[in-house]
């Protein structure tokens, strides 16, 4: 299942300043290396508790908990309690698609940079 916008970007009205600000706020939350690693770990495993996430990404559980709260505040992740453990999962399909697209873009940019270096291009 993937995220399908209601309308294509090019068919939408130009973003209002308020919409642009809201979108920037979403990107600010996503533009954090720790939160991106948490999202990627959750997508790869479907569901993890904080201690598993902390071990996976090599951080302290409290630090992971603080970061995952930012993702939960946006509704990107959801939790489920199982006894004393709270398990988290990505629930926003658009975020899965966005992460996949961002990784693709990064790989394309890396490939272009390598091609420039091979051709001796400095710009």
C-alpha atoms as a PDB file:
ATOM      1  CA  UNK A   1       0.000   0.000   0.000  1.00  0.00           C
ATOM      2  CA  UNK A   2       1.331   3.435  -0.813  1.00  0.00           C
ATOM      3  CA  UNK A   3       0.434   7.028  -0.139  1.00  0.00           C
ATOM      4  CA  UNK A   4      -1.692   8.448  -2.919  1.00  0.00           C
ATOM      5  CA  UNK A   5      -2.220  12.207  -2.959  1.00  0.00           C
ATOM      6  CA  UNK A   6      -5.743  13.373  -3.664  1.00  0.00           C
ATOM      7  CA  UNK A   7      -4.443  15.495  -6.529  1.00  0.00           C
ATOM      8  CA  UNK A   8      -1.122  15.741  -8.284  1.00  0.00           C
ATOM      9  CA  UNK A   9       1.202  18.415  -6.940  1.00  0.00           C
ATOM     10  CA  UNK A  10       1.187  20.286 -10.246  1.00  0.00           C
ATOM     11  CA  UNK A  11      -2.625  20.392 -10.211  1.00  0.00           C
ATOM     12  CA  UNK A  12      -2.843  21.940  -6.740  1.00  0.00           C
ATOM     13  CA  UNK A  13      -3.098  25.640  -5.989  1.00  0.00           C
ATOM     14  CA  UNK A  14       0.141  27.295  -4.934  1.00  0.00           C
ATOM     15  CA  UNK A  15       0.827  26.684  -1.248  1.00  0.00           C
ATOM     16  CA  UNK A  16      -0.380  29.440   1.019  1.00  0.00           C
ATOM     17  CA  UNK A  17       2.107  30.795   3.565  1.00  0.00           C
ATOM     18  CA  UNK A  18       0.270  28.856   6.296  1.00  0.00           C
ATOM     19  CA  UNK A  19       0.369  25.601   4.302  1.00  0.00           C
ATOM     20  CA  UNK A  20       4.053  26.122   3.515  1.00  0.00           C
ATOM     21  CA  UNK A  21       4.747  26.698   7.209  1.00  0.00           C
ATOM     22  CA  UNK A  22       2.898  23.515   8.143  1.00  0.00           C
ATOM     23  CA  UNK A  23       4.794  21.538   5.531  1.00  0.00           C
ATOM     24  CA  UNK A  24       8.092  23.015   6.743  1.00  0.00           C
ATOM     25  CA  UNK A  25       7.206  21.924  10.301  1.00  0.00           C
ATOM     26  CA  UNK A  26       6.649  18.348   9.099  1.00  0.00           C
ATOM     27  CA  UNK A  27       9.958  18.393   7.217  1.00  0.00           C
ATOM     28  CA  UNK A  28      11.737  19.780  10.308  1.00  0.00           C
ATOM     29  CA  UNK A  29      10.572  16.801  12.334  1.00  0.00           C
ATOM     30  CA  UNK A  30      11.652  14.427   9.580  1.00  0.00           C
ATOM     31  CA  UNK A  31      14.956  16.243   8.941  1.00  0.00           C
ATOM     32  CA  UNK A  32      16.684  14.680  11.919  1.00  0.00           C
ATOM     33  CA  UNK A  33      19.159  11.835  11.482  1.00  0.00           C
ATOM     34  CA  UNK A  34      18.041  10.012  14.636  1.00  0.00           C
ATOM     35  CA  UNK A  35      14.351  10.191  13.774  1.00  0.00           C
ATOM     36  CA  UNK A  36      15.081   9.001  10.220  1.00  0.00           C
ATOM     37  CA  UNK A  37      17.016   6.033  11.598  1.00  0.00           C
ATOM     38  CA  UNK A  38      14.141   5.259  13.995  1.00  0.00           C
ATOM     39  CA  UNK A  39      11.640   5.382  11.133  1.00  0.00           C
ATOM     40  CA  UNK A  40      13.808   3.161   8.961  1.00  0.00           C
ATOM     41  CA  UNK A  41      14.265   0.641  11.793  1.00  0.00           C
ATOM     42  CA  UNK A  42      10.505   0.572  12.418  1.00  0.00           C
ATOM     43  CA  UNK A  43       9.698   0.117   8.747  1.00  0.00           C
ATOM     44  CA  UNK A  44      12.231  -2.711   8.472  1.00  0.00           C
ATOM     45  CA  UNK A  45      10.900  -4.502  11.561  1.00  0.00           C
ATOM     46  CA  UNK A  46       7.229  -3.490  11.450  1.00  0.00           C
ATOM     47  CA  UNK A  47       7.185  -2.948  15.217  1.00  0.00           C
ATOM     48  CA  UNK A  48       9.764  -2.431  17.996  1.00  0.00           C
ATOM     49  CA  UNK A  49       9.815  -1.339  21.630  1.00  0.00           C
ATOM     50  CA  UNK A  50      12.057   1.505  22.796  1.00  0.00           C
ATOM     51  CA  UNK A  51      14.761  -0.802  24.172  1.00  0.00           C
ATOM     52  CA  UNK A  52      14.915  -2.703  20.854  1.00  0.00           C
ATOM     53  CA  UNK A  53      15.076   0.578  18.944  1.00  0.00           C
ATOM     54  CA  UNK A  54      17.811   1.854  21.262  1.00  0.00           C
ATOM     55  CA  UNK A  55      19.883  -1.278  20.679  1.00  0.00           C
ATOM     56  CA  UNK A  56      19.264  -1.171  16.925  1.00  0.00           C
ATOM     57  CA  UNK A  57      20.396   2.427  16.460  1.00  0.00           C
ATOM     58  CA  UNK A  58      22.960   2.502  19.282  1.00  0.00           C
ATOM     59  CA  UNK A  59      21.394   5.090  21.562  1.00  0.00           C
ATOM     60  CA  UNK A  60      20.094   5.252  25.117  1.00  0.00           C
ATOM     61  CA  UNK A  61      16.401   4.336  25.544  1.00  0.00           C
ATOM     62  CA  UNK A  62      15.539   7.758  27.010  1.00  0.00           C
ATOM     63  CA  UNK A  63      17.011   9.531  23.973  1.00  0.00           C
ATOM     64  CA  UNK A  64      15.061   7.246  21.630  1.00  0.00           C
ATOM     65  CA  UNK A  65      11.897   7.790  23.647  1.00  0.00           C
ATOM     66  CA  UNK A  66      12.286  11.568  23.343  1.00  0.00           C
ATOM     67  CA  UNK A  67      12.718  11.344  19.582  1.00  0.00           C
ATOM     68  CA  UNK A  68       9.869   8.905  19.044  1.00  0.00           C
ATOM     69  CA  UNK A  69       7.563  11.247  20.947  1.00  0.00           C
ATOM     70  CA  UNK A  70       8.109  13.892  18.244  1.00  0.00           C
ATOM     71  CA  UNK A  71       7.067  11.336  15.609  1.00  0.00           C
ATOM     72  CA  UNK A  72       4.045  10.287  17.664  1.00  0.00           C
ATOM     73  CA  UNK A  73       2.970  13.921  18.100  1.00  0.00           C
ATOM     74  CA  UNK A  74       2.649  14.174  14.299  1.00  0.00           C
ATOM     75  CA  UNK A  75       0.759  10.878  14.065  1.00  0.00           C
ATOM     76  CA  UNK A  76       3.558   9.234  12.101  1.00  0.00           C
ATOM     77  CA  UNK A  77       3.999   6.418  14.622  1.00  0.00           C
ATOM     78  CA  UNK A  78       1.535   4.730  16.925  1.00  0.00           C
ATOM     79  CA  UNK A  79       2.050   2.593  19.994  1.00  0.00           C
ATOM     80  CA  UNK A  80       0.570  -0.510  21.549  1.00  0.00           C
ATOM     81  CA  UNK A  81       1.079  -1.678  25.109  1.00  0.00           C
ATOM     82  CA  UNK A  82       2.051  -5.297  25.785  1.00  0.00           C
ATOM     83  CA  UNK A  83       2.463  -5.711  29.539  1.00  0.00           C
ATOM     84  CA  UNK A  84       5.266  -3.367  30.574  1.00  0.00           C
ATOM     85  CA  UNK A  85       6.478  -2.818  27.010  1.00  0.00           C
ATOM     86  CA  UNK A  86       5.230  -0.267  24.533  1.00  0.00           C
ATOM     87  CA  UNK A  87       5.714  -1.238  20.909  1.00  0.00           C
ATOM     88  CA  UNK A  88       5.883   1.376  18.164  1.00  0.00           C
ATOM     89  CA  UNK A  89       5.071   1.122  14.470  1.00  0.00           C
ATOM     90  CA  UNK A  90       4.873   3.508  11.522  1.00  0.00           C
ATOM     91  CA  UNK A  91       1.222   4.171  10.708  1.00  0.00           C
ATOM     92  CA  UNK A  92       1.546   6.951   8.146  1.00  0.00           C
ATOM     93  CA  UNK A  93       1.901   5.310   4.734  1.00  0.00           C
ATOM     94  CA  UNK A  94       2.994   8.608   3.197  1.00  0.00           C
ATOM     95  CA  UNK A  95       6.062   8.609   5.454  1.00  0.00           C
ATOM     96  CA  UNK A  96       7.028   5.148   4.221  1.00  0.00           C
ATOM     97  CA  UNK A  97       6.718   6.342   0.640  1.00  0.00           C
ATOM     98  CA  UNK A  98       8.535   9.612   1.400  1.00  0.00           C
ATOM     99  CA  UNK A  99      11.459   7.773   3.009  1.00  0.00           C
ATOM    100  CA  UNK A 100      11.671   5.435   0.029  1.00  0.00           C
ATOM    101  CA  UNK A 101      11.658   8.406  -2.375  1.00  0.00           C
ATOM    102  CA  UNK A 102      14.239  10.275  -0.290  1.00  0.00           C
ATOM    103  CA  UNK A 103      16.577   7.265  -0.316  1.00  0.00           C
ATOM    104  CA  UNK A 104      16.137   7.014  -4.081  1.00  0.00           C
ATOM    105  CA  UNK A 105      16.927  10.725  -4.471  1.00  0.00           C
ATOM    106  CA  UNK A 106      20.007  10.414  -2.262  1.00  0.00           C
ATOM    107  CA  UNK A 107      21.281   7.491  -4.348  1.00  0.00           C
ATOM    108  CA  UNK A 108      20.676   9.458  -7.562  1.00  0.00           C
ATOM    109  CA  UNK A 109      22.516  12.508  -6.190  1.00  0.00           C
ATOM    110  CA  UNK A 110      25.394  10.302  -5.038  1.00  0.00           C
ATOM    111  CA  UNK A 111      25.558   8.767  -8.519  1.00  0.00           C
ATOM    112  CA  UNK A 112      25.616  12.182 -10.198  1.00  0.00           C
ATOM    113  CA  UNK A 113      28.360  13.367  -7.842  1.00  0.00           C
ATOM    114  CA  UNK A 114      30.461  10.310  -8.680  1.00  0.00           C
ATOM    115  CA  UNK A 115      29.904  10.860 -12.397  1.00  0.00           C
ATOM    116  CA  UNK A 116      31.032  14.494 -12.075  1.00  0.00           C
ATOM    117  CA  UNK A 117      34.165  13.415 -10.221  1.00  0.00           C
ATOM    118  CA  UNK A 118      34.979  10.849 -12.895  1.00  0.00           C
ATOM    119  CA  UNK A 119      34.608  13.494 -15.612  1.00  0.00           C
ATOM    120  CA  UNK A 120      36.734  15.942 -13.634  1.00  0.00           C
ATOM    121  CA  UNK A 121      33.875  18.377 -13.064  1.00  0.00           C
ATOM    122  CA  UNK A 122      34.313  20.645 -10.062  1.00  0.00           C
ATOM    123  CA  UNK A 123      30.881  22.273  -9.875  1.00  0.00           C
END
